[in-house]
Protein backbone atom coordinates (compact mmCIF):
# COMPACT_ATOMS: atom_id res chain seq x y z
CA UNK A 1 58.11 32.46 -38.05
CA UNK A 2 60.86 33.99 -39.97
CA UNK A 3 64.53 33.19 -39.53
CA UNK A 4 66.93 35.44 -37.62
CA UNK A 5 68.67 36.42 -40.88
CA UNK A 6 65.29 37.40 -42.35
CA UNK A 7 64.31 39.37 -39.45
CA UNK A 8 67.70 41.10 -39.28
CA UNK A 9 67.19 41.97 -43.06
CA UNK A 10 63.87 43.56 -42.36
CA UNK A 11 65.24 45.48 -39.50
CA UNK A 12 67.97 46.89 -41.73
CA UNK A 13 65.32 47.96 -44.31
CA UNK A 14 63.25 49.66 -41.67
CA UNK A 15 66.40 51.35 -40.34
CA UNK A 16 67.30 52.47 -43.78
CA UNK A 17 63.86 53.74 -44.76
CA UNK A 18 63.51 55.47 -41.44
CA UNK A 19 66.94 57.02 -41.74
CA UNK A 20 66.08 58.31 -45.31
CA UNK A 21 62.89 59.88 -44.02
CA UNK A 22 64.76 61.52 -41.09
CA UNK A 23 67.13 62.98 -43.65
CA UNK A 24 64.80 64.58 -46.09
CA UNK A 25 61.18 63.45 -45.30
CA UNK A 26 58.37 66.05 -44.27
CA UNK A 27 59.86 66.27 -40.65
CA UNK A 28 63.41 65.36 -41.36
CA UNK A 29 66.52 67.41 -40.73
CA UNK A 30 66.85 69.13 -44.06
CA UNK A 31 63.15 70.39 -44.14
CA UNK A 32 63.48 71.49 -40.48
CA UNK A 33 66.63 73.48 -41.27
CA UNK A 34 64.81 75.22 -44.11
CA UNK A 35 61.72 75.85 -41.91
CA UNK A 36 63.91 77.43 -39.18
CA UNK A 37 65.74 79.60 -41.59
CA UNK A 38 62.40 80.67 -43.17
CA UNK A 39 61.17 81.56 -39.72
CA UNK A 40 64.39 83.58 -38.92
CA UNK A 41 64.12 85.45 -42.21
CA UNK A 42 60.73 86.81 -40.94
CA UNK A 43 61.64 87.19 -37.32
CA UNK A 44 62.05 90.69 -35.76
CA UNK A 45 63.10 89.59 -32.35
CA UNK A 46 67.02 89.39 -32.33
CA UNK A 47 67.29 86.64 -29.91
CA UNK A 48 64.74 84.32 -31.43
CA UNK A 49 66.33 85.16 -34.95
CA UNK A 50 69.69 84.16 -33.68
CA UNK A 51 68.46 80.97 -31.99
CA UNK A 52 66.60 79.89 -35.13
CA UNK A 53 69.70 80.45 -37.39
CA UNK A 54 71.91 78.56 -35.00
CA UNK A 55 69.39 75.68 -34.69
CA UNK A 56 69.23 75.61 -38.48
CA UNK A 57 72.92 75.30 -38.87
CA UNK A 58 72.95 72.40 -36.42
CA UNK A 59 70.05 70.75 -38.45
CA UNK A 60 72.33 70.88 -41.52
CA UNK A 61 75.05 69.17 -39.45
CA UNK A 62 72.46 66.63 -38.37
CA UNK A 63 71.58 66.03 -42.17
CA UNK A 64 75.30 65.34 -42.85
CA UNK A 65 75.47 62.89 -40.07
CA UNK A 66 72.35 60.98 -41.11
CA UNK A 67 73.76 61.28 -44.78
CA UNK A 68 76.96 59.67 -43.69
CA UNK A 69 75.15 56.70 -42.10
CA UNK A 70 73.05 56.29 -45.30
CA UNK A 71 76.12 56.41 -47.51
CA UNK A 72 78.04 54.12 -45.20
CA UNK A 73 75.27 51.49 -45.26
CA UNK A 74 74.80 51.81 -49.06
CA UNK A 75 78.52 51.30 -49.72
CA UNK A 76 78.93 48.56 -47.18
CA UNK A 77 81.80 50.55 -45.37
CA UNK A 78 82.65 49.75 -41.85
CA UNK A 79 84.18 51.83 -39.09
CA UNK A 80 83.95 55.27 -37.62
CA UNK A 81 81.49 57.72 -39.31
CA UNK A 82 82.80 60.69 -41.40
CA UNK A 83 81.84 63.91 -39.68
CA UNK A 84 81.41 65.66 -43.05
CA UNK A 85 79.62 63.95 -45.85
CA UNK A 86 80.93 63.86 -49.45
CA UNK A 87 77.87 65.56 -50.82
CA UNK A 88 78.91 64.67 -54.49
CA UNK A 89 78.98 60.90 -53.46
CA UNK A 90 75.83 61.23 -51.58
CA UNK A 91 73.98 62.91 -54.24
CA UNK A 92 75.18 60.10 -56.69
CA UNK A 93 73.92 57.51 -54.18
CA UNK A 94 70.48 59.37 -53.99
CA UNK A 95 70.29 59.53 -57.73
CA UNK A 96 71.13 55.84 -58.28
CA UNK A 97 68.20 55.25 -55.78
CA UNK A 98 66.01 57.53 -57.73
CA UNK A 99 65.75 60.19 -55.09
CA UNK A 100 66.35 63.86 -55.77
CA UNK A 101 66.77 66.32 -53.00
CA UNK A 102 67.77 69.54 -54.84
CA UNK A 103 67.36 71.57 -51.64
CA UNK A 104 70.33 69.61 -50.05
CA UNK A 105 72.78 71.00 -52.43
CA UNK A 106 71.20 74.50 -52.11
CA UNK A 107 70.78 74.54 -48.35
CA UNK A 108 72.07 77.80 -47.23
CA UNK A 109 74.22 78.21 -44.17
CA UNK A 110 73.41 81.82 -43.39
CA UNK A 111 70.45 84.12 -43.34
CA UNK A 112 72.06 86.21 -46.07
CA UNK A 113 72.47 83.28 -48.33
CA UNK A 114 68.90 82.04 -47.52
CA UNK A 115 67.47 85.27 -48.57
CA UNK A 116 69.11 84.99 -51.91
CA UNK A 117 68.15 81.49 -52.63
CA UNK A 118 65.10 80.45 -54.66
CA UNK A 119 64.09 77.40 -52.45
CA UNK A 120 60.42 76.57 -52.51
CA UNK A 121 59.02 77.92 -49.24
CA UNK A 122 56.16 75.74 -48.33
CA UNK A 123 53.17 76.80 -46.11
CA UNK A 124 52.06 75.33 -42.89
CA UNK A 125 52.43 76.06 -39.20
CA UNK A 126 56.30 75.75 -39.45
CA UNK A 127 56.20 78.64 -41.93
CA UNK A 128 53.88 80.88 -40.12
CA UNK A 129 54.85 84.44 -39.36
CA UNK A 130 53.34 84.02 -35.92
CA UNK A 131 56.00 83.12 -33.50
CA UNK A 132 53.55 81.16 -31.14
CA UNK A 133 52.46 79.00 -33.99
CA UNK A 134 55.68 78.26 -35.50
CA UNK A 135 57.40 77.63 -32.05
CA UNK A 136 54.61 75.30 -31.10
CA UNK A 137 55.08 73.46 -34.54
CA UNK A 138 58.94 73.37 -33.86
CA UNK A 139 58.41 71.73 -30.53
CA UNK A 140 56.24 69.01 -32.12
CA UNK A 141 58.74 68.55 -34.86
CA UNK A 142 61.69 68.26 -32.36
CA UNK A 143 59.57 65.68 -30.26
CA UNK A 144 58.83 63.63 -33.42
CA UNK A 145 62.62 63.54 -34.27
CA UNK A 146 63.54 62.54 -30.72
CA UNK A 147 61.11 59.57 -31.04
CA UNK A 148 62.45 58.78 -34.46
CA UNK A 149 66.12 58.75 -33.26
CA UNK A 150 65.04 56.40 -30.43
CA UNK A 151 63.46 54.09 -32.89
CA UNK A 152 66.56 54.22 -35.07
CA UNK A 153 68.91 53.33 -32.11
CA UNK A 154 66.49 50.43 -31.49
CA UNK A 155 66.86 49.06 -35.12
CA UNK A 156 70.66 48.95 -35.20
CA UNK A 157 73.48 47.15 -33.42
CA UNK A 158 76.32 49.27 -35.02
CA UNK A 159 77.98 51.13 -32.27
CA UNK A 160 79.16 53.89 -34.51
CA UNK A 161 75.69 54.50 -35.72
CA UNK A 162 74.18 54.25 -32.08
CA UNK A 163 76.70 56.70 -30.81
CA UNK A 164 76.06 59.28 -33.69
CA UNK A 165 72.16 58.75 -33.27
CA UNK A 166 72.37 59.39 -29.56
CA UNK A 167 74.49 62.47 -30.03
CA UNK A 168 71.91 63.76 -32.54
CA UNK A 169 69.02 62.86 -30.24
CA UNK A 170 70.58 64.70 -27.30
CA UNK A 171 70.82 67.90 -29.45
CA UNK A 172 67.13 67.46 -30.54
CA UNK A 173 66.25 67.52 -26.83
CA UNK A 174 68.22 70.65 -26.33
CA UNK A 175 66.38 72.20 -29.28
CA UNK A 176 62.93 71.31 -28.04
CA UNK A 177 63.76 72.70 -24.66
CA UNK A 178 64.96 75.85 -26.20
CA UNK A 179 61.77 76.27 -28.34
CA UNK A 180 59.68 75.50 -25.22
CA UNK A 181 61.52 78.33 -23.30
CA UNK A 182 61.09 80.78 -26.26
CA UNK A 183 57.39 79.93 -26.36
CA UNK A 184 57.11 80.29 -22.47
CA UNK A 185 58.65 83.73 -22.80
CA UNK A 186 56.16 84.83 -25.40
CA UNK A 187 53.18 83.76 -23.46
CA UNK A 188 54.28 85.14 -20.02
């Protein structure tokens, strides 16, 4: 059986890797923001469009929170998290680790900016023009993220990280519930 130090180290690696995936992995905050903006750009219903844009903006804020935690870990800083990430410092950190996430710098904050960007727009259920399909996919994405944030909370003892992760998880629950309600309205 491994030592407590070894087990703590492995837990820290799992935490960091899971956090990195939550930032920019296939179902992470940044790709979700891009998916929701893509959906909004194709949405004719004004209420759904506004909700998608608002949730996408929150997703970008979540990406900043997750990025702040990653940066704090990588630089061995202690104390309260910054609410706004230094994107230049974070990009430098990612580049040192051999990770490039070009879409993070290019992430639009408005639908007008989004329509002008040249982001790669992937295919899949999150990028469908059919509201029932993309709302169902969004619900699954939010549920996956809720579980991921629960796992992250279980992998750290840092009270600042736990507080930030629980805050983001609570917002994920709100988003999931909002998508469920939008889907319910479509089908009834």
